[in-house]
Amino acid sequence: MHEYSIVGALIERVEREATARHATRVVRVHVRLGEFAGVEPELLATAYDTFRERTVCEGAPLVLDRVPGDELVLQRIEMEVPDV
């Protein structure tokens, strides 16, 4: 199940982005998933729910936008950042 390694990389990326922006929390993670990407959406969602505990993504639901094609893209990270 490569969905677990995909989620591991996804959470690492979100953590780097949140740290770089001094985010206080991640609110939501949006991923664009192509129907031919070779990724099972249900397994990806289950893996995310399992591995997000005790990470910056703990309270952030995963939003999967299903699209035609074969892409797998971290589309958007919604996070709270302090006023600068």
Protein backbone atom coordinates (compact mmCIF):
# COMPACT_ATOMS: atom_id res chain seq x y z
CA MET A 1 0.00 0.00 0.00
CA HIS A 2 1.92 2.98 -1.25
CA GLU A 3 -0.82 5.26 0.07
CA TYR A 4 0.95 5.18 3.46
CA SER A 5 4.20 6.48 2.00
CA ILE A 6 2.29 9.12 0.05
CA VAL A 7 0.62 10.31 3.24
CA GLY A 8 3.95 10.33 5.08
CA ALA A 9 5.44 12.58 2.41
CA LEU A 10 2.30 14.73 2.36
CA ILE A 11 2.39 15.33 6.12
CA GLU A 12 6.12 16.14 6.00
CA ARG A 13 5.47 18.71 3.26
CA VAL A 14 2.60 20.29 5.19
CA GLU A 15 4.78 20.47 8.31
CA ARG A 16 7.56 22.23 6.35
CA GLU A 17 5.11 24.75 4.88
CA ALA A 18 3.46 25.40 8.25
CA THR A 19 6.83 25.88 9.97
CA ALA A 20 8.05 28.24 7.24
CA ARG A 21 4.95 30.40 7.73
CA HIS A 22 4.94 30.15 11.55
CA ALA A 23 1.43 28.68 11.40
CA THR A 24 -0.35 28.16 14.68
CA ARG A 25 -2.39 25.34 13.20
CA VAL A 26 -3.37 23.64 9.95
CA VAL A 27 -7.09 23.88 9.28
CA ARG A 28 -7.53 21.81 6.09
CA VAL A 29 -5.42 20.03 3.46
CA HIS A 30 -6.61 19.90 -0.16
CA VAL A 31 -5.27 17.29 -2.57
CA ARG A 32 -6.16 16.99 -6.25
CA LEU A 33 -6.30 13.30 -7.18
CA GLY A 34 -6.59 12.06 -10.75
CA GLU A 35 -8.68 9.00 -11.45
CA PHE A 36 -5.67 7.32 -13.11
CA ALA A 37 -3.08 8.27 -10.47
CA GLY A 38 -2.88 4.71 -9.19
CA VAL A 39 -4.02 5.77 -5.73
CA GLU A 40 -7.10 4.42 -3.98
CA PRO A 41 -8.94 7.45 -2.52
CA GLU A 42 -10.41 5.48 0.38
CA LEU A 43 -7.02 4.04 1.35
CA LEU A 44 -5.41 7.48 1.07
CA ALA A 45 -8.07 8.99 3.34
CA THR A 46 -7.73 6.15 5.85
CA ALA A 47 -3.93 6.45 5.88
CA TYR A 48 -4.21 10.22 6.38
CA ASP A 49 -6.62 9.80 9.29
CA THR A 50 -4.28 7.25 10.86
CA PHE A 51 -0.99 9.12 10.48
CA ARG A 52 -2.12 12.70 11.12
CA GLU A 53 -2.45 12.08 14.87
CA ARG A 54 0.15 13.99 16.88
CA THR A 55 1.26 15.97 13.81
CA VAL A 56 0.54 19.48 12.59
CA CYS A 57 -2.32 17.91 10.56
CA GLU A 58 -4.06 16.39 13.59
CA GLY A 59 -7.13 18.63 13.44
CA ALA A 60 -7.09 19.18 9.69
CA PRO A 61 -9.39 17.14 7.48
CA LEU A 62 -8.18 15.95 4.08
CA VAL A 63 -10.23 17.22 1.15
CA LEU A 64 -9.81 15.08 -1.97
CA ASP A 65 -10.75 16.77 -5.22
CA ARG A 66 -11.21 13.98 -7.78
CA VAL A 67 -10.23 15.04 -11.30
CA PRO A 68 -9.65 13.37 -14.67
CA GLY A 69 -6.08 12.41 -15.46
CA ASP A 70 -3.22 10.96 -13.48
CA GLU A 71 -2.12 13.79 -11.22
CA LEU A 72 -1.60 13.75 -7.48
CA VAL A 73 -1.11 17.34 -6.31
CA LEU A 74 -1.04 19.04 -2.95
CA GLN A 75 -3.38 21.79 -4.04
CA ARG A 76 -3.80 23.95 -0.95
CA ILE A 77 -3.04 24.06 2.75
CA GLU A 78 -5.35 26.15 4.87
CA MET A 79 -3.61 27.31 8.02
CA GLU A 80 -3.78 29.97 10.67
CA VAL A 81 -0.79 32.26 10.78
CA PRO A 82 -0.04 35.08 13.19
CA ASP A 83 -0.53 38.67 12.04
CA VAL A 84 2.72 40.15 10.84
